[in-house]
Amino acid sequence: MPQFIFAYHGGGMPETEEESAKVMAKWGAWMQGLGKATVNPGAPVGMSHTVDASGVAENGGANPLSGFTIVEAGGMDAATAMAKGCPILENGGTVEVAEMMEM
């Protein structure tokens, strides 16, 4: 079955422990709902550096990555349907969905 990466961009950090607990509960419920489709639950990530031929930029790039998850789905439509339930969408974030190609 094809695998897809969900690349999370944006979203906000909770300001209080209470907000953090609510956000984590939403993420936990969503992940649990994905069930066996989850190949790698992923993790949040820190500020990225962009490397190109001219050097290294330490600014996170044009659309900084905030985390990732890898899932299995029957196709792009199924994968994007899964991503529509992601809690990051409630905080202004986005989920970029890309099929992982076998090599």
PDB file of N, CA and C in Angstrom:
ATOM      1  N   MET A   1       0.848  -1.172   0.000  1.00  0.00           N
ATOM      2  CA  MET A   1       0.000   0.000   0.000  1.00  0.00           C
ATOM      3  C   MET A   1       0.895   1.238   0.000  1.00  0.00           C
ATOM      4  N   PRO A   2       0.544   2.261  -0.757  1.00  0.00           N
ATOM      5  CA  PRO A   2       1.373   3.474  -0.815  1.00  0.00           C
ATOM      6  C   PRO A   2       1.499   4.164   0.544  1.00  0.00           C
ATOM      7  N   GLN A   3       2.648   4.772   0.755  1.00  0.00           N
ATOM      8  CA  GLN A   3       2.877   5.560   1.970  1.00  0.00           C
ATOM      9  C   GLN A   3       2.897   7.038   1.606  1.00  0.00           C
ATOM     10  N   PHE A   4       2.425   7.846   2.538  1.00  0.00           N
ATOM     11  CA  PHE A   4       2.342   9.289   2.353  1.00  0.00           C
ATOM     12  C   PHE A   4       2.936   9.975   3.567  1.00  0.00           C
ATOM     13  N   ILE A   5       3.607  11.088   3.316  1.00  0.00           N
ATOM     14  CA  ILE A   5       4.118  11.896   4.415  1.00  0.00           C
ATOM     15  C   ILE A   5       3.192  13.088   4.589  1.00  0.00           C
ATOM     16  N   PHE A   6       2.830  13.340   5.823  1.00  0.00           N
ATOM     17  CA  PHE A   6       2.102  14.552   6.176  1.00  0.00           C
ATOM     18  C   PHE A   6       3.158  15.506   6.730  1.00  0.00           C
ATOM     19  N   ALA A   7       3.402  16.593   6.040  1.00  0.00           N
ATOM     20  CA  ALA A   7       4.354  17.605   6.490  1.00  0.00           C
ATOM     21  C   ALA A   7       3.547  18.759   7.065  1.00  0.00           C
ATOM     22  N   TYR A   8       3.726  19.011   8.354  1.00  0.00           N
ATOM     23  CA  TYR A   8       2.962  20.053   9.038  1.00  0.00           C
ATOM     24  C   TYR A   8       3.709  21.377   8.962  1.00  0.00           C
ATOM     25  N   HIS A   9       2.950  22.420   8.656  1.00  0.00           N
ATOM     26  CA  HIS A   9       3.508  23.771   8.582  1.00  0.00           C
ATOM     27  C   HIS A   9       2.657  24.698   9.435  1.00  0.00           C
ATOM     28  N   GLY A  10       3.326  25.582  10.157  1.00  0.00           N
ATOM     29  CA  GLY A  10       2.612  26.587  10.932  1.00  0.00           C
ATOM     30  C   GLY A  10       1.931  26.022  12.157  1.00  0.00           C
ATOM     31  N   GLY A  11       0.812  26.641  12.494  1.00  0.00           N
ATOM     32  CA  GLY A  11       0.135  26.299  13.739  1.00  0.00           C
ATOM     33  C   GLY A  11       0.775  27.083  14.867  1.00  0.00           C
ATOM     34  N   GLY A  12       0.164  27.079  15.989  1.00  0.00           N
ATOM     35  CA  GLY A  12       0.702  27.846  17.109  1.00  0.00           C
ATOM     36  C   GLY A  12       1.031  26.952  18.284  1.00  0.00           C
ATOM     37  N   MET A  13       1.864  27.459  19.141  1.00  0.00           N
ATOM     38  CA  MET A  13       2.200  26.749  20.373  1.00  0.00           C
ATOM     39  C   MET A  13       1.209  27.182  21.448  1.00  0.00           C
ATOM     40  N   PRO A  14       0.682  26.229  22.214  1.00  0.00           N
ATOM     41  CA  PRO A  14      -0.221  26.589  23.306  1.00  0.00           C
ATOM     42  C   PRO A  14       0.481  27.498  24.301  1.00  0.00           C
ATOM     43  N   GLU A  15      -0.279  28.431  24.879  1.00  0.00           N
ATOM     44  CA  GLU A  15       0.316  29.392  25.803  1.00  0.00           C
ATOM     45  C   GLU A  15       0.252  28.956  27.258  1.00  0.00           C
ATOM     46  N   THR A  16      -0.646  28.020  27.585  1.00  0.00           N
ATOM     47  CA  THR A  16      -0.765  27.556  28.966  1.00  0.00           C
ATOM     48  C   THR A  16      -0.701  26.037  28.998  1.00  0.00           C
ATOM     49  N   GLU A  17      -0.475  25.501  30.192  1.00  0.00           N
ATOM     50  CA  GLU A  17      -0.451  24.043  30.346  1.00  0.00           C
ATOM     51  C   GLU A  17      -1.824  23.454  30.041  1.00  0.00           C
ATOM     52  N   GLU A  18      -2.887  24.167  30.390  1.00  0.00           N
ATOM     53  CA  GLU A  18      -4.245  23.696  30.120  1.00  0.00           C
ATOM     54  C   GLU A  18      -4.490  23.605  28.609  1.00  0.00           C
ATOM     55  N   GLU A  19      -4.092  24.648  27.874  1.00  0.00           N
ATOM     56  CA  GLU A  19      -4.225  24.627  26.414  1.00  0.00           C
ATOM     57  C   GLU A  19      -3.387  23.504  25.818  1.00  0.00           C
ATOM     58  N   SER A  20      -2.193  23.312  26.330  1.00  0.00           N
ATOM     59  CA  SER A  20      -1.304  22.270  25.838  1.00  0.00           C
ATOM     60  C   SER A  20      -1.941  20.890  26.030  1.00  0.00           C
ATOM     61  N   ALA A  21      -2.552  20.661  27.176  1.00  0.00           N
ATOM     62  CA  ALA A  21      -3.201  19.377  27.447  1.00  0.00           C
ATOM     63  C   ALA A  21      -4.359  19.148  26.474  1.00  0.00           C
ATOM     64  N   LYS A  22      -5.122  20.185  26.181  1.00  0.00           N
ATOM     65  CA  LYS A  22      -6.241  20.064  25.243  1.00  0.00           C
ATOM     66  C   LYS A  22      -5.741  19.747  23.832  1.00  0.00           C
ATOM     67  N   VAL A  23      -4.688  20.442  23.407  1.00  0.00           N
ATOM     68  CA  VAL A  23      -4.120  20.217  22.077  1.00  0.00           C
ATOM     69  C   VAL A  23      -3.569  18.802  21.967  1.00  0.00           C
ATOM     70  N   MET A  24      -2.846  18.363  22.991  1.00  0.00           N
ATOM     71  CA  MET A  24      -2.271  17.010  22.973  1.00  0.00           C
ATOM     72  C   MET A  24      -3.373  15.954  22.950  1.00  0.00           C
ATOM     73  N   ALA A  25      -4.469  16.202  23.637  1.00  0.00           N
ATOM     74  CA  ALA A  25      -5.591  15.256  23.629  1.00  0.00           C
ATOM     75  C   ALA A  25      -6.201  15.162  22.230  1.00  0.00           C
ATOM     76  N   LYS A  26      -6.315  16.307  21.549  1.00  0.00           N
ATOM     77  CA  LYS A  26      -6.844  16.303  20.181  1.00  0.00           C
ATOM     78  C   LYS A  26      -5.916  15.527  19.246  1.00  0.00           C
ATOM     79  N   TRP A  27      -4.605  15.771  19.374  1.00  0.00           N
ATOM     80  CA  TRP A  27      -3.642  15.048  18.544  1.00  0.00           C
ATOM     81  C   TRP A  27      -3.701  13.550  18.841  1.00  0.00           C
ATOM     82  N   GLY A  28      -3.788  13.194  20.111  1.00  0.00           N
ATOM     83  CA  GLY A  28      -3.861  11.787  20.488  1.00  0.00           C
ATOM     84  C   GLY A  28      -5.097  11.102  19.915  1.00  0.00           C
ATOM     85  N   ALA A  29      -6.236  11.790  19.982  1.00  0.00           N
ATOM     86  CA  ALA A  29      -7.482  11.231  19.451  1.00  0.00           C
ATOM     87  C   ALA A  29      -7.401  11.070  17.934  1.00  0.00           C
ATOM     88  N   TRP A  30      -6.829  12.076  17.267  1.00  0.00           N
ATOM     89  CA  TRP A  30      -6.702  12.002  15.808  1.00  0.00           C
ATOM     90  C   TRP A  30      -5.776  10.859  15.407  1.00  0.00           C
ATOM     91  N   MET A  31      -4.636  10.765  16.075  1.00  0.00           N
ATOM     92  CA  MET A  31      -3.682   9.692  15.775  1.00  0.00           C
ATOM     93  C   MET A  31      -4.313   8.329  16.025  1.00  0.00           C
ATOM     94  N   GLN A  32      -5.044   8.203  17.123  1.00  0.00           N
ATOM     95  CA  GLN A  32      -5.704   6.937  17.429  1.00  0.00           C
ATOM     96  C   GLN A  32      -6.713   6.600  16.333  1.00  0.00           C
ATOM     97  N   GLY A  33      -7.392   7.620  15.809  1.00  0.00           N
ATOM     98  CA  GLY A  33      -8.352   7.415  14.734  1.00  0.00           C
ATOM     99  C   GLY A  33      -7.700   6.935  13.436  1.00  0.00           C
ATOM    100  N   LEU A  34      -6.437   7.299  13.236  1.00  0.00           N
ATOM    101  CA  LEU A  34      -5.723   6.833  12.042  1.00  0.00           C
ATOM    102  C   LEU A  34      -5.421   5.340  12.142  1.00  0.00           C
ATOM    103  N   GLY A  35      -5.336   4.837  13.366  1.00  0.00           N
ATOM    104  CA  GLY A  35      -5.142   3.413  13.603  1.00  0.00           C
ATOM    105  C   GLY A  35      -3.925   2.833  12.921  1.00  0.00           C
ATOM    106  N   LYS A  36      -4.122   1.684  12.275  1.00  0.00           N
ATOM    107  CA  LYS A  36      -3.014   0.952  11.652  1.00  0.00           C
ATOM    108  C   LYS A  36      -2.472   1.638  10.406  1.00  0.00           C
ATOM    109  N   ALA A  37      -3.137   2.697   9.952  1.00  0.00           N
ATOM    110  CA  ALA A  37      -2.618   3.439   8.798  1.00  0.00           C
ATOM    111  C   ALA A  37      -1.333   4.177   9.154  1.00  0.00           C
ATOM    112  N   THR A  38      -1.110   4.409  10.444  1.00  0.00           N
ATOM    113  CA  THR A  38       0.082   5.137  10.882  1.00  0.00           C
ATOM    114  C   THR A  38       1.315   4.239  10.788  1.00  0.00           C
ATOM    115  N   VAL A  39       2.250   4.625   9.943  1.00  0.00           N
ATOM    116  CA  VAL A  39       3.514   3.909   9.793  1.00  0.00           C
ATOM    117  C   VAL A  39       4.533   4.469  10.780  1.00  0.00           C
ATOM    118  N   ASN A  40       4.560   5.799  10.891  1.00  0.00           N
ATOM    119  CA  ASN A  40       5.467   6.499  11.798  1.00  0.00           C
ATOM    120  C   ASN A  40       4.706   7.718  12.304  1.00  0.00           C
ATOM    121  N   PRO A  41       4.408   7.799  13.609  1.00  0.00           N
ATOM    122  CA  PRO A  41       3.633   8.932  14.102  1.00  0.00           C
ATOM    123  C   PRO A  41       4.377  10.258  13.980  1.00  0.00           C
ATOM    124  N   GLY A  42       5.683  10.185  13.779  1.00  0.00           N
ATOM    125  CA  GLY A  42       6.462  11.398  13.577  1.00  0.00           C
ATOM    126  C   GLY A  42       6.675  12.162  14.860  1.00  0.00           C
ATOM    127  N   ALA A  43       6.914  13.462  14.709  1.00  0.00           N
ATOM    128  CA  ALA A  43       7.225  14.317  15.843  1.00  0.00           C
ATOM    129  C   ALA A  43       7.227  15.766  15.385  1.00  0.00           C
ATOM    130  N   PRO A  44       7.116  16.680  16.344  1.00  0.00           N
ATOM    131  CA  PRO A  44       7.360  18.076  15.999  1.00  0.00           C
ATOM    132  C   PRO A  44       8.849  18.245  15.705  1.00  0.00           C
ATOM    133  N   VAL A  45       9.194  19.290  14.982  1.00  0.00           N
ATOM    134  CA  VAL A  45      10.598  19.557  14.665  1.00  0.00           C
ATOM    135  C   VAL A  45      10.961  20.988  15.034  1.00  0.00           C
ATOM    136  N   GLY A  46      12.255  21.207  15.237  1.00  0.00           N
ATOM    137  CA  GLY A  46      12.754  22.539  15.541  1.00  0.00           C
ATOM    138  C   GLY A  46      12.994  23.333  14.266  1.00  0.00           C
ATOM    139  N   MET A  47      13.541  24.519  14.428  1.00  0.00           N
ATOM    140  CA  MET A  47      13.809  25.408  13.296  1.00  0.00           C
ATOM    141  C   MET A  47      14.783  24.749  12.329  1.00  0.00           C
ATOM    142  N   SER A  48      14.412  24.752  11.068  1.00  0.00           N
ATOM    143  CA  SER A  48      15.262  24.125  10.053  1.00  0.00           C
ATOM    144  C   SER A  48      16.264  25.126   9.479  1.00  0.00           C
ATOM    145  N   HIS A  49      17.296  24.584   8.881  1.00  0.00           N
ATOM    146  CA  HIS A  49      18.291  25.357   8.147  1.00  0.00           C
ATOM    147  C   HIS A  49      18.181  24.931   6.689  1.00  0.00           C
ATOM    148  N   THR A  50      18.308  25.870   5.783  1.00  0.00           N
ATOM    149  CA  THR A  50      18.225  25.582   4.366  1.00  0.00           C
ATOM    150  C   THR A  50      19.621  25.642   3.765  1.00  0.00           C
ATOM    151  N   VAL A  51      20.017  24.554   3.119  1.00  0.00           N
ATOM    152  CA  VAL A  51      21.341  24.470   2.522  1.00  0.00           C
ATOM    153  C   VAL A  51      21.189  24.554   1.012  1.00  0.00           C
ATOM    154  N   ASP A  52      21.927  25.478   0.390  1.00  0.00           N
ATOM    155  CA  ASP A  52      21.981  25.545  -1.069  1.00  0.00           C
ATOM    156  C   ASP A  52      23.425  25.794  -1.485  1.00  0.00           C
ATOM    157  N   ALA A  53      23.650  25.956  -2.773  1.00  0.00           N
ATOM    158  CA  ALA A  53      25.017  26.097  -3.281  1.00  0.00           C
ATOM    159  C   ALA A  53      25.745  27.318  -2.718  1.00  0.00           C
ATOM    160  N   SER A  54      24.993  28.315  -2.268  1.00  0.00           N
ATOM    161  CA  SER A  54      25.635  29.526  -1.763  1.00  0.00           C
ATOM    162  C   SER A  54      25.896  29.488  -0.258  1.00  0.00           C
ATOM    163  N   GLY A  55      25.391  28.486   0.423  1.00  0.00           N
ATOM    164  CA  GLY A  55      25.636  28.399   1.863  1.00  0.00           C
ATOM    165  C   GLY A  55      24.439  27.879   2.635  1.00  0.00           C
ATOM    166  N   VAL A  56      24.343  28.328   3.887  1.00  0.00           N
ATOM    167  CA  VAL A  56      23.304  27.860   4.793  1.00  0.00           C
ATOM    168  C   VAL A  56      22.513  29.044   5.332  1.00  0.00           C
ATOM    169  N   ALA A  57      21.189  28.973   5.211  1.00  0.00           N
ATOM    170  CA  ALA A  57      20.303  29.985   5.793  1.00  0.00           C
ATOM    171  C   ALA A  57      19.648  29.364   7.023  1.00  0.00           C
ATOM    172  N   GLU A  58      19.720  30.047   8.144  1.00  0.00           N
ATOM    173  CA  GLU A  58      19.200  29.521   9.404  1.00  0.00           C
ATOM    174  C   GLU A  58      17.852  30.125   9.749  1.00  0.00           C
ATOM    175  N   ASN A  59      17.009  30.337   8.746  1.00  0.00           N
ATOM    176  CA  ASN A  59      15.753  31.042   8.968  1.00  0.00           C
ATOM    177  C   ASN A  59      14.501  30.172   8.817  1.00  0.00           C
ATOM    178  N   GLY A  60      14.650  28.881   8.651  1.00  0.00           N
ATOM    179  CA  GLY A  60      13.502  28.001   8.514  1.00  0.00           C
ATOM    180  C   GLY A  60      12.943  27.897   7.116  1.00  0.00           C
ATOM    181  N   GLY A  61      13.432  28.681   6.198  1.00  0.00           N
ATOM    182  CA  GLY A  61      12.943  28.619   4.825  1.00  0.00           C
ATOM    183  C   GLY A  61      11.649  29.380   4.629  1.00  0.00           C
ATOM    184  N   ALA A  62      11.084  29.266   3.436  1.00  0.00           N
ATOM    185  CA  ALA A  62       9.892  30.027   3.071  1.00  0.00           C
ATOM    186  C   ALA A  62       8.644  29.565   3.822  1.00  0.00           C
ATOM    187  N   ASN A  63       8.559  28.282   4.144  1.00  0.00           N
ATOM    188  CA  ASN A  63       7.394  27.734   4.828  1.00  0.00           C
ATOM    189  C   ASN A  63       7.899  26.678   5.812  1.00  0.00           C
ATOM    190  N   PRO A  64       8.367  27.105   6.982  1.00  0.00           N
ATOM    191  CA  PRO A  64       9.036  26.182   7.902  1.00  0.00           C
ATOM    192  C   PRO A  64       8.193  24.965   8.280  1.00  0.00           C
ATOM    193  N   LEU A  65       8.861  23.838   8.318  1.00  0.00           N
ATOM    194  CA  LEU A  65       8.249  22.589   8.735  1.00  0.00           C
ATOM    195  C   LEU A  65       8.095  22.617  10.248  1.00  0.00           C
ATOM    196  N   SER A  66       6.924  22.159  10.740  1.00  0.00           N
ATOM    197  CA  SER A  66       6.746  22.100  12.193  1.00  0.00           C
ATOM    198  C   SER A  66       6.611  20.665  12.703  1.00  0.00           C
ATOM    199  N   GLY A  67       6.499  19.687  11.781  1.00  0.00           N
ATOM    200  CA  GLY A  67       6.438  18.288  12.180  1.00  0.00           C
ATOM    201  C   GLY A  67       6.059  17.412  11.013  1.00  0.00           C
ATOM    202  N   PHE A  68       5.929  16.093  11.277  1.00  0.00           N
ATOM    203  CA  PHE A  68       5.594  15.164  10.205  1.00  0.00           C
ATOM    204  C   PHE A  68       4.946  13.909  10.770  1.00  0.00           C
ATOM    205  N   THR A  69       4.267  13.166   9.911  1.00  0.00           N
ATOM    206  CA  THR A  69       3.717  11.843  10.184  1.00  0.00           C
ATOM    207  C   THR A  69       3.772  11.066   8.875  1.00  0.00           C
ATOM    208  N   ILE A  70       3.957   9.755   8.940  1.00  0.00           N
ATOM    209  CA  ILE A  70       3.908   8.911   7.749  1.00  0.00           C
ATOM    210  C   ILE A  70       2.762   7.919   7.904  1.00  0.00           C
ATOM    211  N   VAL A  71       1.911   7.848   6.884  1.00  0.00           N
ATOM    212  CA  VAL A  71       0.753   6.945   6.905  1.00  0.00           C
ATOM    213  C   VAL A  71       0.721   6.097   5.643  1.00  0.00           C
ATOM    214  N   GLU A  72      -0.065   5.032   5.697  1.00  0.00           N
ATOM    215  CA  GLU A  72      -0.385   4.247   4.510  1.00  0.00           C
ATOM    216  C   GLU A  72      -1.822   4.559   4.133  1.00  0.00           C
ATOM    217  N   ALA A  73      -2.065   4.684   2.831  1.00  0.00           N
ATOM    218  CA  ALA A  73      -3.414   4.962   2.344  1.00  0.00           C
ATOM    219  C   ALA A  73      -3.550   4.378   0.947  1.00  0.00           C
ATOM    220  N   GLY A  74      -4.784   4.154   0.528  1.00  0.00           N
ATOM    221  CA  GLY A  74      -5.049   3.577  -0.779  1.00  0.00           C
ATOM    222  C   GLY A  74      -4.706   4.485  -1.937  1.00  0.00           C
ATOM    223  N   GLY A  75      -4.566   5.753  -1.687  1.00  0.00           N
ATOM    224  CA  GLY A  75      -4.234   6.725  -2.724  1.00  0.00           C
ATOM    225  C   GLY A  75      -4.266   8.128  -2.155  1.00  0.00           C
ATOM    226  N   MET A  76      -3.996   9.112  -3.003  1.00  0.00           N
ATOM    227  CA  MET A  76      -3.936  10.501  -2.564  1.00  0.00           C
ATOM    228  C   MET A  76      -5.261  10.968  -1.962  1.00  0.00           C
ATOM    229  N   ASP A  77      -6.382  10.585  -2.564  1.00  0.00           N
ATOM    230  CA  ASP A  77      -7.676  11.006  -2.022  1.00  0.00           C
ATOM    231  C   ASP A  77      -7.874  10.498  -0.601  1.00  0.00           C
ATOM    232  N   ALA A  78      -7.517   9.247  -0.357  1.00  0.00           N
ATOM    233  CA  ALA A  78      -7.646   8.679   0.985  1.00  0.00           C
ATOM    234  C   ALA A  78      -6.704   9.377   1.968  1.00  0.00           C
ATOM    235  N   ALA A  79      -5.487   9.662   1.522  1.00  0.00           N
ATOM    236  CA  ALA A  79      -4.512  10.326   2.393  1.00  0.00           C
ATOM    237  C   ALA A  79      -4.954  11.743   2.739  1.00  0.00           C
ATOM    238  N   THR A  80      -5.436  12.493   1.752  1.00  0.00           N
ATOM    239  CA  THR A  80      -5.875  13.855   2.046  1.00  0.00           C
ATOM    240  C   THR A  80      -7.119  13.850   2.931  1.00  0.00           C
ATOM    241  N   ALA A  81      -7.972  12.843   2.790  1.00  0.00           N
ATOM    242  CA  ALA A  81      -9.136  12.731   3.677  1.00  0.00           C
ATOM    243  C   ALA A  81      -8.677  12.532   5.119  1.00  0.00           C
ATOM    244  N   MET A  82      -7.641  11.722   5.330  1.00  0.00           N
ATOM    245  CA  MET A  82      -7.088  11.529   6.675  1.00  0.00           C
ATOM    246  C   MET A  82      -6.554  12.853   7.225  1.00  0.00           C
ATOM    247  N   ALA A  83      -5.840  13.589   6.382  1.00  0.00           N
ATOM    248  CA  ALA A  83      -5.198  14.835   6.811  1.00  0.00           C
ATOM    249  C   ALA A  83      -6.206  15.908   7.190  1.00  0.00           C
ATOM    250  N   LYS A  84      -7.401  15.852   6.630  1.00  0.00           N
ATOM    251  CA  LYS A  84      -8.427  16.871   6.919  1.00  0.00           C
ATOM    252  C   LYS A  84      -8.832  16.894   8.388  1.00  0.00           C
ATOM    253  N   GLY A  85      -8.572  15.809   9.117  1.00  0.00           N
ATOM    254  CA  GLY A  85      -8.918  15.775  10.534  1.00  0.00           C
ATOM    255  C   GLY A  85      -7.805  16.230  11.455  1.00  0.00           C
ATOM    256  N   CYS A  86      -6.675  16.635  10.896  1.00  0.00           N
ATOM    257  CA  CYS A  86      -5.511  16.999  11.704  1.00  0.00           C
ATOM    258  C   CYS A  86      -5.774  18.240  12.560  1.00  0.00           C
ATOM    259  N   PRO A  87      -5.463  18.160  13.859  1.00  0.00           N
ATOM    260  CA  PRO A  87      -5.688  19.295  14.754  1.00  0.00           C
ATOM    261  C   PRO A  87      -4.911  20.565  14.406  1.00  0.00           C
ATOM    262  N   ILE A  88      -3.822  20.465  13.643  1.00  0.00           N
ATOM    263  CA  ILE A  88      -3.058  21.671  13.304  1.00  0.00           C
ATOM    264  C   ILE A  88      -3.906  22.647  12.483  1.00  0.00           C
ATOM    265  N   LEU A  89      -4.905  22.112  11.784  1.00  0.00           N
ATOM    266  CA  LEU A  89      -5.757  22.950  10.953  1.00  0.00           C
ATOM    267  C   LEU A  89      -6.588  23.924  11.795  1.00  0.00           C
ATOM    268  N   GLU A  90      -6.841  23.567  13.055  1.00  0.00           N
ATOM    269  CA  GLU A  90      -7.613  24.428  13.960  1.00  0.00           C
ATOM    270  C   GLU A  90      -6.810  25.629  14.428  1.00  0.00           C
ATOM    271  N   ASN A  91      -5.487  25.576  14.277  1.00  0.00           N
ATOM    272  CA  ASN A  91      -4.609  26.656  14.748  1.00  0.00           C
ATOM    273  C   ASN A  91      -3.939  27.404  13.612  1.00  0.00           C
ATOM    274  N   GLY A  92      -4.553  27.376  12.425  1.00  0.00           N
ATOM    275  CA  GLY A  92      -4.007  28.121  11.298  1.00  0.00           C
ATOM    276  C   GLY A  92      -2.890  27.423  10.553  1.00  0.00           C
ATOM    277  N   GLY A  93      -2.591  26.185  10.920  1.00  0.00           N
ATOM    278  CA  GLY A  93      -1.535  25.441  10.243  1.00  0.00           C
ATOM    279  C   GLY A  93      -2.062  24.722   9.010  1.00  0.00           C
ATOM    280  N   THR A  94      -1.154  24.094   8.298  1.00  0.00           N
ATOM    281  CA  THR A  94      -1.511  23.334   7.101  1.00  0.00           C
ATOM    282  C   THR A  94      -0.845  21.968   7.131  1.00  0.00           C
ATOM    283  N   VAL A  95      -1.382  21.052   6.331  1.00  0.00           N
ATOM    284  CA  VAL A  95      -0.791  19.729   6.173  1.00  0.00           C
ATOM    285  C   VAL A  95      -0.500  19.547   4.691  1.00  0.00           C
ATOM    286  N   GLU A  96       0.758  19.392   4.366  1.00  0.00           N
ATOM    287  CA  GLU A  96       1.166  19.080   2.997  1.00  0.00           C
ATOM    288  C   GLU A  96       1.231  17.563   2.888  1.00  0.00           C
ATOM    289  N   VAL A  97       0.555  16.989   1.904  1.00  0.00           N
ATOM    290  CA  VAL A  97       0.497  15.535   1.735  1.00  0.00           C
ATOM    291  C   VAL A  97       1.252  15.162   0.473  1.00  0.00           C
ATOM    292  N   ALA A  98       2.222  14.257   0.597  1.00  0.00           N
ATOM    293  CA  ALA A  98       2.999  13.823  -0.566  1.00  0.00           C
ATOM    294  C   ALA A  98       3.198  12.319  -0.507  1.00  0.00           C
ATOM    295  N   GLU A  99       3.035  11.676  -1.663  1.00  0.00           N
ATOM    296  CA  GLU A  99       3.274  10.233  -1.728  1.00  0.00           C
ATOM    297  C   GLU A  99       4.778   9.981  -1.691  1.00  0.00           C
ATOM    298  N   MET A 100       5.164   8.993  -0.910  1.00  0.00           N
ATOM    299  CA  MET A 100       6.561   8.595  -0.828  1.00  0.00           C
ATOM    300  C   MET A 100       6.803   7.570  -1.923  1.00  0.00           C
ATOM    301  N   MET A 101       7.738   7.846  -2.793  1.00  0.00           N
ATOM    302  CA  MET A 101       8.010   7.002  -3.952  1.00  0.00           C
ATOM    303  C   MET A 101       8.977   5.889  -3.575  1.00  0.00           C
ATOM    304  N   GLU A 102       8.695   4.683  -4.047  1.00  0.00           N
ATOM    305  CA  GLU A 102       9.610   3.571  -3.799  1.00  0.00           C
ATOM    306  C   GLU A 102      10.809   3.693  -4.724  1.00  0.00           C
ATOM    307  N   MET A 103      11.972   3.373  -4.204  1.00  0.00           N
ATOM    308  CA  MET A 103      13.209   3.445  -4.991  1.00  0.00           C
ATOM    309  C   MET A 103      13.738   2.047  -5.184  1.00  0.00           C
TER     310      MET A 103
END
